[in-house]
């Protein structure tokens, strides 16, 4: 469940300016009820400036009034307060220097365990070049004796979702190609007979 920006400061403001229960404030701010009680007692965050969730657009005054009237109601975060999902940009991926030596290991893993992936897909997934992929495949890479196939997700070169998407795409493409070949084979057999 998403929580408001600066949850402790929001909790300080809610404690000072509303009659919400500790449980309501704790659930809204993602804190423990005892922590909210400590804020109310002045034991925690006594120097902290409260942050108005209504002025920030995190919730509405009507929502606070509704929850003050019913102690069992739960305060809800405004839909516009939820941050947009991070959209990854298209383009070359930056790999930190410390992880660059891991790329050949990841390439070797993908070549061994996912032969359905094309060089272009591996290149995009890992952030490497086609000549490097060819060198690892042909064992002409300058570091070939030291290359050990290791999972690219474990190395931090891609996410599991990206890998699964690439494998699914390659499998679908391969399945489509096989069905077209089977169709051509059947057509050729029909022509020959």
N, C-alpha and C. Protein backbone atom coordinates (compact mmCIF):
# COMPACT_ATOMS: atom_id res chain seq x y z
N UNK A 1 0.85 -1.17 0.00
CA UNK A 1 0.00 0.00 0.00
C UNK A 1 0.89 1.24 0.00
N UNK A 2 0.64 2.17 -0.90
CA UNK A 2 1.48 3.38 -0.93
C UNK A 2 1.25 4.24 0.31
N UNK A 3 2.31 4.88 0.74
CA UNK A 3 2.24 5.77 1.90
C UNK A 3 2.54 7.19 1.44
N UNK A 4 2.14 8.18 2.22
CA UNK A 4 2.39 9.57 1.82
C UNK A 4 3.88 9.90 1.87
N UNK A 5 4.21 10.96 1.16
CA UNK A 5 5.56 11.47 1.18
C UNK A 5 5.86 11.99 2.58
N UNK A 6 7.03 11.69 3.10
CA UNK A 6 7.44 12.09 4.46
C UNK A 6 6.39 11.64 5.50
N UNK A 7 6.28 10.34 5.71
CA UNK A 7 5.22 9.80 6.58
C UNK A 7 5.26 10.29 8.03
N UNK A 8 6.45 10.46 8.62
CA UNK A 8 6.50 10.90 10.02
C UNK A 8 6.02 12.34 10.15
N UNK A 9 6.42 13.19 9.22
CA UNK A 9 5.98 14.58 9.27
C UNK A 9 4.47 14.66 9.06
N UNK A 10 3.95 13.80 8.18
CA UNK A 10 2.50 13.75 7.96
C UNK A 10 1.80 13.28 9.22
N UNK A 11 2.38 12.27 9.90
CA UNK A 11 1.79 11.77 11.14
C UNK A 11 1.80 12.85 12.22
N UNK A 12 2.86 13.64 12.28
CA UNK A 12 2.93 14.74 13.26
C UNK A 12 1.78 15.71 13.01
N UNK A 13 1.56 16.08 11.76
CA UNK A 13 0.48 17.02 11.44
C UNK A 13 -0.88 16.42 11.78
N UNK A 14 -1.09 15.15 11.43
CA UNK A 14 -2.39 14.51 11.70
C UNK A 14 -2.65 14.40 13.20
N UNK A 15 -1.61 14.10 13.97
CA UNK A 15 -1.77 14.02 15.44
C UNK A 15 -2.15 15.38 16.01
N UNK A 16 -1.48 16.43 15.53
CA UNK A 16 -1.70 17.77 16.08
C UNK A 16 -3.00 18.42 15.60
N UNK A 17 -3.46 18.09 14.42
CA UNK A 17 -4.57 18.84 13.81
C UNK A 17 -5.85 18.05 13.57
N UNK A 18 -5.88 16.77 13.88
CA UNK A 18 -7.10 15.99 13.65
C UNK A 18 -7.41 15.16 14.89
N UNK A 19 -8.59 14.56 14.86
CA UNK A 19 -8.96 13.66 15.95
C UNK A 19 -8.98 12.21 15.47
N UNK A 20 -8.15 11.90 14.48
CA UNK A 20 -8.05 10.52 13.98
C UNK A 20 -7.43 9.63 15.05
N UNK A 21 -7.76 8.35 15.04
CA UNK A 21 -7.17 7.42 16.01
C UNK A 21 -5.74 7.11 15.61
N UNK A 22 -4.97 6.60 16.57
CA UNK A 22 -3.58 6.25 16.29
C UNK A 22 -3.50 5.17 15.21
N UNK A 23 -4.46 4.24 15.25
CA UNK A 23 -4.48 3.17 14.24
C UNK A 23 -4.71 3.74 12.84
N UNK A 24 -5.64 4.69 12.73
CA UNK A 24 -5.91 5.29 11.43
C UNK A 24 -4.68 6.02 10.89
N UNK A 25 -4.05 6.80 11.75
CA UNK A 25 -2.85 7.55 11.33
C UNK A 25 -1.73 6.58 10.98
N UNK A 26 -1.56 5.55 11.82
CA UNK A 26 -0.48 4.57 11.59
C UNK A 26 -0.67 3.85 10.25
N UNK A 27 -1.88 3.45 9.96
CA UNK A 27 -2.12 2.73 8.70
C UNK A 27 -1.93 3.64 7.49
N UNK A 28 -2.38 4.88 7.61
CA UNK A 28 -2.23 5.83 6.49
C UNK A 28 -0.76 6.15 6.24
N UNK A 29 0.01 6.32 7.31
CA UNK A 29 1.41 6.74 7.18
C UNK A 29 2.38 5.57 7.09
N UNK A 30 1.90 4.35 7.24
CA UNK A 30 2.79 3.21 7.17
C UNK A 30 3.69 3.08 8.39
N UNK A 31 3.19 3.52 9.55
CA UNK A 31 3.95 3.45 10.79
C UNK A 31 3.27 2.48 11.74
N UNK A 32 3.95 2.16 12.83
CA UNK A 32 3.36 1.31 13.87
C UNK A 32 2.52 2.20 14.79
N UNK A 33 1.38 1.71 15.28
CA UNK A 33 0.54 2.54 16.17
C UNK A 33 1.28 3.06 17.41
N UNK A 34 2.23 2.27 17.93
CA UNK A 34 3.00 2.74 19.10
C UNK A 34 3.90 3.92 18.73
N UNK A 35 4.38 3.93 17.49
CA UNK A 35 5.20 5.05 17.04
C UNK A 35 4.35 6.32 16.94
N UNK A 36 3.11 6.18 16.48
CA UNK A 36 2.20 7.32 16.42
C UNK A 36 1.88 7.81 17.82
N UNK A 37 1.69 6.87 18.74
CA UNK A 37 1.43 7.25 20.13
C UNK A 37 2.64 7.98 20.72
N UNK A 38 3.84 7.55 20.39
CA UNK A 38 5.04 8.22 20.88
C UNK A 38 5.15 9.63 20.30
N UNK A 39 4.71 9.80 19.05
CA UNK A 39 4.68 11.14 18.45
C UNK A 39 3.70 12.02 19.22
N UNK A 40 2.53 11.46 19.54
CA UNK A 40 1.52 12.22 20.29
C UNK A 40 2.00 12.58 21.69
N UNK A 41 2.78 11.68 22.32
CA UNK A 41 3.29 11.93 23.66
C UNK A 41 4.49 12.87 23.64
N UNK A 42 5.02 13.19 22.47
CA UNK A 42 6.17 14.08 22.37
C UNK A 42 7.50 13.39 22.58
N UNK A 43 7.50 12.06 22.57
CA UNK A 43 8.75 11.31 22.77
C UNK A 43 9.53 11.16 21.47
N UNK A 44 8.83 11.20 20.35
CA UNK A 44 9.45 11.02 19.03
C UNK A 44 9.06 12.21 18.17
N UNK A 45 9.98 12.68 17.37
CA UNK A 45 9.73 13.74 16.38
C UNK A 45 9.20 15.02 17.03
N UNK A 46 9.67 15.35 18.23
CA UNK A 46 9.16 16.55 18.90
C UNK A 46 9.66 17.84 18.25
N UNK A 47 10.76 17.80 17.52
CA UNK A 47 11.27 18.97 16.82
C UNK A 47 10.84 19.01 15.35
N UNK A 48 10.11 17.99 14.92
CA UNK A 48 9.75 17.86 13.52
C UNK A 48 8.55 18.76 13.16
N UNK A 49 8.68 19.44 12.05
CA UNK A 49 7.60 20.27 11.53
C UNK A 49 6.57 19.37 10.85
N UNK A 50 5.30 19.53 11.19
CA UNK A 50 4.25 18.73 10.57
C UNK A 50 4.04 19.08 9.11
N UNK A 51 3.64 18.11 8.32
CA UNK A 51 3.41 18.30 6.89
C UNK A 51 1.94 18.05 6.59
N UNK A 52 1.26 19.08 6.10
CA UNK A 52 -0.17 19.02 5.84
C UNK A 52 -0.45 18.15 4.61
N UNK A 53 -1.09 16.98 4.78
CA UNK A 53 -1.34 16.11 3.63
C UNK A 53 -2.41 16.67 2.68
N UNK A 54 -3.27 17.56 3.16
CA UNK A 54 -4.29 18.17 2.30
C UNK A 54 -3.63 19.20 1.38
N UNK A 55 -2.76 20.03 1.93
CA UNK A 55 -2.06 21.04 1.13
C UNK A 55 -1.14 20.38 0.11
N UNK A 56 -0.60 19.22 0.44
CA UNK A 56 0.29 18.48 -0.47
C UNK A 56 -0.45 17.69 -1.52
N UNK A 57 -1.77 17.59 -1.40
CA UNK A 57 -2.54 16.80 -2.35
C UNK A 57 -2.48 15.31 -2.07
N UNK A 58 -2.06 14.91 -0.85
CA UNK A 58 -1.96 13.49 -0.51
C UNK A 58 -3.33 12.92 -0.14
N UNK A 59 -4.21 13.78 0.38
CA UNK A 59 -5.58 13.37 0.71
C UNK A 59 -6.44 14.63 0.68
N UNK A 60 -7.73 14.46 0.96
CA UNK A 60 -8.63 15.62 0.94
C UNK A 60 -9.19 15.87 2.34
N UNK A 61 -9.68 17.09 2.55
CA UNK A 61 -10.29 17.44 3.84
C UNK A 61 -11.54 16.60 4.08
N UNK A 62 -12.27 16.30 2.99
CA UNK A 62 -13.48 15.46 3.13
C UNK A 62 -13.11 14.06 3.59
N UNK A 63 -12.01 13.54 3.09
CA UNK A 63 -11.56 12.20 3.48
C UNK A 63 -11.18 12.19 4.96
N UNK A 64 -10.52 13.23 5.43
CA UNK A 64 -10.16 13.32 6.85
C UNK A 64 -11.41 13.43 7.70
N UNK A 65 -12.38 14.26 7.28
CA UNK A 65 -13.64 14.41 8.03
C UNK A 65 -14.40 13.09 8.09
N UNK A 66 -14.41 12.34 6.98
CA UNK A 66 -15.10 11.05 6.93
C UNK A 66 -14.48 10.08 7.94
N UNK A 67 -13.16 10.06 8.01
CA UNK A 67 -12.48 9.14 8.92
C UNK A 67 -12.56 9.59 10.39
N UNK A 68 -12.67 10.90 10.62
CA UNK A 68 -12.85 11.38 11.99
C UNK A 68 -14.22 10.98 12.51
N UNK A 69 -15.22 10.93 11.64
CA UNK A 69 -16.58 10.57 12.05
C UNK A 69 -16.70 9.08 12.34
N UNK A 70 -15.91 8.25 11.67
CA UNK A 70 -15.98 6.80 11.83
C UNK A 70 -14.60 6.25 12.18
N UNK A 71 -14.37 5.85 13.44
CA UNK A 71 -13.04 5.36 13.84
C UNK A 71 -12.61 4.08 13.13
N UNK A 72 -13.55 3.36 12.54
CA UNK A 72 -13.21 2.13 11.82
C UNK A 72 -12.84 2.39 10.36
N UNK A 73 -13.12 3.59 9.87
CA UNK A 73 -12.79 3.93 8.48
C UNK A 73 -11.29 4.14 8.35
N UNK A 74 -10.78 3.89 7.17
CA UNK A 74 -9.36 4.07 6.92
C UNK A 74 -9.13 5.20 5.92
N UNK A 75 -8.19 6.04 6.25
CA UNK A 75 -7.83 7.18 5.41
C UNK A 75 -7.16 6.66 4.14
N UNK A 76 -7.58 7.20 3.00
CA UNK A 76 -7.04 6.73 1.73
C UNK A 76 -6.19 7.82 1.09
N UNK A 77 -5.11 7.38 0.45
CA UNK A 77 -4.23 8.28 -0.27
C UNK A 77 -4.90 8.68 -1.58
N UNK A 78 -4.80 9.92 -1.95
CA UNK A 78 -5.37 10.42 -3.21
C UNK A 78 -4.74 9.71 -4.39
N UNK A 79 -5.51 9.39 -5.44
CA UNK A 79 -4.92 8.72 -6.61
C UNK A 79 -3.83 9.55 -7.28
N UNK A 80 -3.97 10.88 -7.29
CA UNK A 80 -2.95 11.71 -7.92
C UNK A 80 -1.68 11.82 -7.07
N UNK A 81 -1.75 11.39 -5.80
CA UNK A 81 -0.57 11.45 -4.93
C UNK A 81 0.37 10.27 -5.16
N UNK A 82 -0.13 9.20 -5.80
CA UNK A 82 0.70 8.04 -6.07
C UNK A 82 1.65 8.40 -7.21
N UNK A 83 2.96 8.25 -7.01
CA UNK A 83 3.91 8.64 -8.06
C UNK A 83 3.76 7.77 -9.30
N UNK A 84 4.08 8.34 -10.44
CA UNK A 84 4.02 7.60 -11.70
C UNK A 84 5.09 6.52 -11.68
N UNK A 85 4.78 5.40 -12.33
CA UNK A 85 5.75 4.32 -12.42
C UNK A 85 6.92 4.76 -13.28
N UNK A 86 8.10 4.32 -12.90
CA UNK A 86 9.31 4.68 -13.62
C UNK A 86 9.28 4.01 -14.99
N UNK A 87 9.34 4.82 -16.02
CA UNK A 87 9.38 4.29 -17.37
C UNK A 87 10.82 4.30 -17.84
N UNK A 88 11.31 3.14 -18.19
CA UNK A 88 12.70 3.03 -18.61
C UNK A 88 12.85 3.61 -20.00
N UNK A 89 13.86 4.41 -20.18
CA UNK A 89 14.07 5.03 -21.48
C UNK A 89 14.68 4.03 -22.45
N UNK A 90 14.40 4.25 -23.71
CA UNK A 90 14.99 3.42 -24.75
C UNK A 90 16.35 4.00 -25.08
N UNK A 91 17.30 3.17 -25.19
CA UNK A 91 18.62 3.65 -25.52
C UNK A 91 19.67 2.78 -24.86
N UNK A 92 20.92 3.11 -25.08
CA UNK A 92 21.97 2.28 -24.52
C UNK A 92 21.92 2.29 -23.00
N UNK A 93 22.17 1.15 -22.43
CA UNK A 93 22.11 1.02 -20.99
C UNK A 93 23.52 1.22 -20.43
N UNK A 94 23.61 1.97 -19.35
CA UNK A 94 24.90 2.18 -18.71
C UNK A 94 25.15 1.05 -17.73
N UNK A 95 26.33 0.48 -17.81
CA UNK A 95 26.73 -0.56 -16.88
C UNK A 95 27.92 -0.04 -16.08
N UNK A 96 27.86 -0.08 -14.77
CA UNK A 96 28.99 0.39 -13.96
C UNK A 96 30.26 -0.39 -14.29
N UNK A 97 31.39 0.26 -14.14
CA UNK A 97 32.67 -0.35 -14.48
C UNK A 97 32.87 -1.67 -13.74
N UNK A 98 32.44 -1.73 -12.50
CA UNK A 98 32.63 -2.94 -11.70
C UNK A 98 31.87 -4.14 -12.26
N UNK A 99 30.81 -3.89 -13.03
CA UNK A 99 30.01 -5.00 -13.55
C UNK A 99 30.33 -5.33 -15.01
N UNK A 100 31.16 -4.54 -15.66
CA UNK A 100 31.42 -4.76 -17.08
C UNK A 100 32.13 -6.08 -17.35
N UNK A 101 32.98 -6.52 -16.44
CA UNK A 101 33.68 -7.79 -16.65
C UNK A 101 32.73 -8.97 -16.50
N UNK A 102 31.52 -8.75 -15.98
CA UNK A 102 30.54 -9.82 -15.82
C UNK A 102 29.74 -10.08 -17.09
N UNK A 103 29.79 -9.17 -18.05
CA UNK A 103 28.98 -9.33 -19.26
C UNK A 103 29.28 -10.61 -20.03
N UNK A 104 30.56 -10.97 -20.25
CA UNK A 104 30.81 -12.23 -20.97
C UNK A 104 30.23 -13.45 -20.25
N UNK A 105 30.26 -13.44 -18.91
CA UNK A 105 29.68 -14.55 -18.15
C UNK A 105 28.17 -14.64 -18.41
N UNK A 106 27.50 -13.48 -18.41
CA UNK A 106 26.06 -13.46 -18.67
C UNK A 106 25.76 -13.90 -20.10
N UNK A 107 26.58 -13.46 -21.04
CA UNK A 107 26.39 -13.87 -22.44
C UNK A 107 26.51 -15.38 -22.56
N UNK A 108 27.53 -15.96 -21.92
CA UNK A 108 27.73 -17.41 -21.96
C UNK A 108 26.52 -18.14 -21.37
N UNK A 109 25.98 -17.61 -20.29
CA UNK A 109 24.79 -18.23 -19.68
C UNK A 109 23.61 -18.21 -20.65
N UNK A 110 23.36 -17.04 -21.26
CA UNK A 110 22.22 -16.92 -22.17
C UNK A 110 22.40 -17.80 -23.40
N UNK A 111 23.62 -17.88 -23.93
CA UNK A 111 23.86 -18.73 -25.10
C UNK A 111 23.64 -20.20 -24.76
N UNK A 112 24.02 -20.60 -23.56
CA UNK A 112 23.88 -22.00 -23.16
C UNK A 112 22.44 -22.35 -22.78
N UNK A 113 21.77 -21.48 -22.01
CA UNK A 113 20.46 -21.82 -21.45
C UNK A 113 19.28 -21.29 -22.26
N UNK A 114 19.50 -20.31 -23.11
CA UNK A 114 18.41 -19.74 -23.90
C UNK A 114 18.85 -19.59 -25.36
N UNK A 115 19.05 -20.71 -26.05
CA UNK A 115 19.51 -20.63 -27.44
C UNK A 115 18.49 -19.97 -28.38
N UNK A 116 17.25 -19.86 -27.92
CA UNK A 116 16.21 -19.23 -28.75
C UNK A 116 16.38 -17.73 -28.88
N UNK A 117 17.18 -17.12 -27.98
CA UNK A 117 17.40 -15.67 -28.04
C UNK A 117 18.34 -15.33 -29.20
N UNK A 118 17.97 -14.30 -29.94
CA UNK A 118 18.83 -13.84 -31.03
C UNK A 118 19.96 -12.97 -30.47
N UNK A 119 20.97 -12.73 -31.31
CA UNK A 119 22.07 -11.87 -30.86
C UNK A 119 21.56 -10.47 -30.53
N UNK A 120 20.60 -9.99 -31.31
CA UNK A 120 20.05 -8.65 -31.06
C UNK A 120 19.35 -8.59 -29.70
N UNK A 121 18.61 -9.65 -29.36
CA UNK A 121 17.92 -9.68 -28.07
C UNK A 121 18.92 -9.75 -26.91
N UNK A 122 19.96 -10.56 -27.06
CA UNK A 122 20.98 -10.65 -26.01
C UNK A 122 21.69 -9.31 -25.87
N UNK A 123 22.00 -8.70 -27.00
CA UNK A 123 22.68 -7.41 -26.99
C UNK A 123 21.86 -6.36 -26.26
N UNK A 124 20.57 -6.32 -26.53
CA UNK A 124 19.69 -5.34 -25.88
C UNK A 124 19.51 -5.65 -24.39
N UNK A 125 19.39 -6.93 -24.07
CA UNK A 125 19.15 -7.36 -22.69
C UNK A 125 20.34 -7.07 -21.79
N UNK A 126 21.54 -7.40 -22.24
CA UNK A 126 22.74 -7.26 -21.42
C UNK A 126 23.39 -5.90 -21.61
N UNK A 127 23.20 -5.29 -22.78
CA UNK A 127 23.86 -4.02 -23.08
C UNK A 127 25.25 -4.25 -23.61
N UNK A 128 25.37 -5.15 -24.56
CA UNK A 128 26.67 -5.49 -25.13
C UNK A 128 26.59 -5.40 -26.65
N UNK A 129 27.67 -5.79 -27.32
CA UNK A 129 27.71 -5.71 -28.78
C UNK A 129 27.65 -7.09 -29.39
N UNK A 130 27.24 -7.15 -30.65
CA UNK A 130 27.17 -8.44 -31.36
C UNK A 130 28.55 -9.08 -31.54
N UNK A 131 29.62 -8.30 -31.82
CA UNK A 131 30.94 -8.94 -31.90
C UNK A 131 31.37 -9.60 -30.58
N UNK A 132 31.00 -9.00 -29.45
CA UNK A 132 31.33 -9.62 -28.17
C UNK A 132 30.56 -10.93 -28.00
N UNK A 133 29.30 -10.94 -28.39
CA UNK A 133 28.49 -12.17 -28.31
C UNK A 133 29.10 -13.24 -29.20
N UNK A 134 29.49 -12.88 -30.43
CA UNK A 134 30.09 -13.84 -31.36
C UNK A 134 31.42 -14.37 -30.79
N UNK A 135 32.22 -13.50 -30.18
CA UNK A 135 33.50 -13.92 -29.61
C UNK A 135 33.29 -14.91 -28.46
N UNK A 136 32.28 -14.67 -27.63
CA UNK A 136 32.00 -15.60 -26.53
C UNK A 136 31.49 -16.92 -27.09
N UNK A 137 30.64 -16.86 -28.10
CA UNK A 137 30.09 -18.07 -28.72
C UNK A 137 31.21 -18.91 -29.35
N UNK A 138 32.12 -18.26 -30.08
CA UNK A 138 33.20 -18.96 -30.79
C UNK A 138 34.40 -19.26 -29.91
N UNK A 139 34.36 -18.80 -28.67
CA UNK A 139 35.46 -18.94 -27.71
C UNK A 139 36.73 -18.25 -28.20
N UNK A 140 36.55 -17.12 -28.89
CA UNK A 140 37.69 -16.32 -29.32
C UNK A 140 37.80 -15.04 -28.49
N UNK A 141 36.98 -14.93 -27.47
CA UNK A 141 37.03 -13.77 -26.58
C UNK A 141 38.37 -13.76 -25.87
N UNK A 142 38.93 -12.60 -25.64
CA UNK A 142 40.26 -12.49 -25.04
C UNK A 142 40.34 -13.13 -23.66
N UNK A 143 39.20 -13.24 -22.98
CA UNK A 143 39.18 -13.79 -21.63
C UNK A 143 38.46 -15.14 -21.58
N UNK A 144 38.43 -15.85 -22.68
CA UNK A 144 37.67 -17.11 -22.78
C UNK A 144 38.00 -18.13 -21.68
N UNK A 145 39.25 -18.33 -21.31
CA UNK A 145 39.51 -19.35 -20.27
C UNK A 145 38.85 -19.03 -18.93
N UNK A 146 38.57 -17.77 -18.66
CA UNK A 146 38.02 -17.37 -17.36
C UNK A 146 36.51 -17.16 -17.37
N UNK A 147 35.85 -17.33 -18.51
CA UNK A 147 34.41 -17.09 -18.60
C UNK A 147 33.66 -18.27 -18.00
N UNK A 148 32.81 -17.97 -17.04
CA UNK A 148 31.95 -18.98 -16.40
C UNK A 148 30.51 -18.52 -16.57
N UNK A 149 29.64 -19.33 -17.16
CA UNK A 149 28.24 -18.91 -17.35
C UNK A 149 27.58 -18.59 -16.01
N UNK A 150 27.11 -17.35 -15.88
CA UNK A 150 26.41 -16.93 -14.67
C UNK A 150 25.14 -16.18 -15.06
N UNK A 151 24.11 -16.32 -14.25
CA UNK A 151 22.79 -15.75 -14.55
C UNK A 151 22.87 -14.22 -14.59
N UNK A 152 22.36 -13.58 -15.66
CA UNK A 152 22.46 -12.12 -15.78
C UNK A 152 21.66 -11.36 -14.72
N UNK A 153 20.58 -11.96 -14.21
CA UNK A 153 19.80 -11.29 -13.17
C UNK A 153 20.60 -11.26 -11.87
N UNK A 154 21.26 -12.36 -11.56
CA UNK A 154 22.10 -12.42 -10.36
C UNK A 154 23.28 -11.46 -10.44
N UNK A 155 23.74 -11.18 -11.66
CA UNK A 155 24.84 -10.24 -11.85
C UNK A 155 24.36 -8.79 -11.84
N UNK A 156 23.04 -8.60 -11.93
CA UNK A 156 22.49 -7.24 -11.92
C UNK A 156 22.55 -6.56 -13.27
N UNK A 157 22.66 -7.33 -14.35
CA UNK A 157 22.73 -6.74 -15.69
C UNK A 157 21.36 -6.55 -16.33
N UNK A 158 20.36 -7.25 -15.81
CA UNK A 158 18.99 -7.07 -16.29
C UNK A 158 18.05 -7.55 -15.19
N UNK A 159 16.76 -7.28 -15.35
CA UNK A 159 15.78 -7.75 -14.36
C UNK A 159 15.18 -9.06 -14.84
N UNK A 160 14.57 -9.78 -13.93
CA UNK A 160 13.94 -11.04 -14.28
C UNK A 160 12.78 -10.81 -15.24
N UNK A 161 12.06 -9.70 -15.07
CA UNK A 161 10.94 -9.39 -15.97
C UNK A 161 11.44 -9.16 -17.38
N UNK A 162 12.56 -8.44 -17.53
CA UNK A 162 13.12 -8.20 -18.86
C UNK A 162 13.56 -9.50 -19.50
N UNK A 163 14.20 -10.37 -18.73
CA UNK A 163 14.66 -11.66 -19.26
C UNK A 163 13.47 -12.52 -19.68
N UNK A 164 12.45 -12.60 -18.81
CA UNK A 164 11.26 -13.39 -19.15
C UNK A 164 10.57 -12.86 -20.40
N UNK A 165 10.47 -11.54 -20.52
CA UNK A 165 9.83 -10.95 -21.69
C UNK A 165 10.61 -11.29 -22.96
N UNK A 166 11.94 -11.21 -22.90
CA UNK A 166 12.76 -11.52 -24.07
C UNK A 166 12.64 -12.99 -24.45
N UNK A 167 12.64 -13.89 -23.46
CA UNK A 167 12.52 -15.33 -23.75
C UNK A 167 11.14 -15.63 -24.33
N UNK A 168 10.09 -15.03 -23.76
CA UNK A 168 8.74 -15.25 -24.29
C UNK A 168 8.61 -14.74 -25.71
N UNK A 169 9.18 -13.58 -25.99
CA UNK A 169 9.14 -13.01 -27.33
C UNK A 169 9.87 -13.92 -28.31
N UNK A 170 11.04 -14.43 -27.91
CA UNK A 170 11.82 -15.31 -28.78
C UNK A 170 11.10 -16.63 -29.02
N UNK A 171 10.45 -17.15 -27.98
CA UNK A 171 9.71 -18.40 -28.12
C UNK A 171 8.53 -18.23 -29.06
N UNK A 172 7.80 -17.11 -28.92
CA UNK A 172 6.67 -16.84 -29.83
C UNK A 172 7.14 -16.70 -31.26
N UNK A 173 8.24 -15.98 -31.47
CA UNK A 173 8.77 -15.78 -32.81
C UNK A 173 9.22 -17.11 -33.40
N UNK A 174 9.88 -17.93 -32.60
CA UNK A 174 10.33 -19.24 -33.06
C UNK A 174 9.14 -20.12 -33.40
N UNK A 175 8.10 -20.09 -32.57
CA UNK A 175 6.89 -20.88 -32.83
C UNK A 175 6.22 -20.46 -34.12
N UNK A 176 6.19 -19.15 -34.39
CA UNK A 176 5.57 -18.64 -35.62
C UNK A 176 6.39 -19.10 -36.82
N UNK A 177 7.72 -19.07 -36.72
CA UNK A 177 8.58 -19.49 -37.82
C UNK A 177 8.39 -20.97 -38.11
N UNK A 178 8.30 -21.79 -37.07
CA UNK A 178 8.09 -23.22 -37.28
C UNK A 178 6.77 -23.48 -37.98
N UNK A 179 5.73 -22.78 -37.59
CA UNK A 179 4.43 -23.03 -38.22
C UNK A 179 4.46 -22.61 -39.68
N UNK A 180 5.17 -21.54 -40.03
CA UNK A 180 5.28 -21.13 -41.44
C UNK A 180 6.07 -22.16 -42.23
N UNK A 181 7.14 -22.72 -41.63
CA UNK A 181 7.93 -23.74 -42.31
C UNK A 181 7.09 -25.00 -42.53
N UNK A 182 6.31 -25.35 -41.52
CA UNK A 182 5.46 -26.53 -41.67
C UNK A 182 4.44 -26.31 -42.79
N UNK A 183 3.91 -25.10 -42.88
CA UNK A 183 2.96 -24.79 -43.95
C UNK A 183 3.64 -24.94 -45.30
N UNK A 184 4.87 -24.39 -45.45
CA UNK A 184 5.60 -24.50 -46.72
C UNK A 184 5.89 -25.95 -47.05
N UNK A 185 6.27 -26.75 -46.03
CA UNK A 185 6.57 -28.16 -46.25
C UNK A 185 5.33 -28.89 -46.75
N UNK A 186 4.20 -28.62 -46.12
CA UNK A 186 2.96 -29.26 -46.56
C UNK A 186 2.58 -28.84 -47.97
N UNK A 187 2.80 -27.57 -48.31
CA UNK A 187 2.49 -27.09 -49.66
C UNK A 187 3.40 -27.78 -50.68
N UNK A 188 4.70 -27.92 -50.32
CA UNK A 188 5.64 -28.58 -51.25
C UNK A 188 5.28 -30.05 -51.45
N UNK A 189 4.88 -30.72 -50.37
CA UNK A 189 4.46 -32.11 -50.50
C UNK A 189 3.21 -32.23 -51.34
N UNK A 190 2.31 -31.27 -51.23
CA UNK A 190 1.07 -31.31 -52.03
C UNK A 190 1.39 -31.08 -53.51
N UNK A 191 2.37 -30.21 -53.80
CA UNK A 191 2.74 -29.93 -55.19
C UNK A 191 3.44 -31.14 -55.80
N UNK A 192 4.30 -31.81 -55.03
CA UNK A 192 5.05 -32.97 -55.55
C UNK A 192 4.15 -34.14 -55.83
N UNK A 193 3.07 -34.32 -55.09
CA UNK A 193 2.20 -35.49 -55.29
C UNK A 193 1.15 -35.27 -56.32
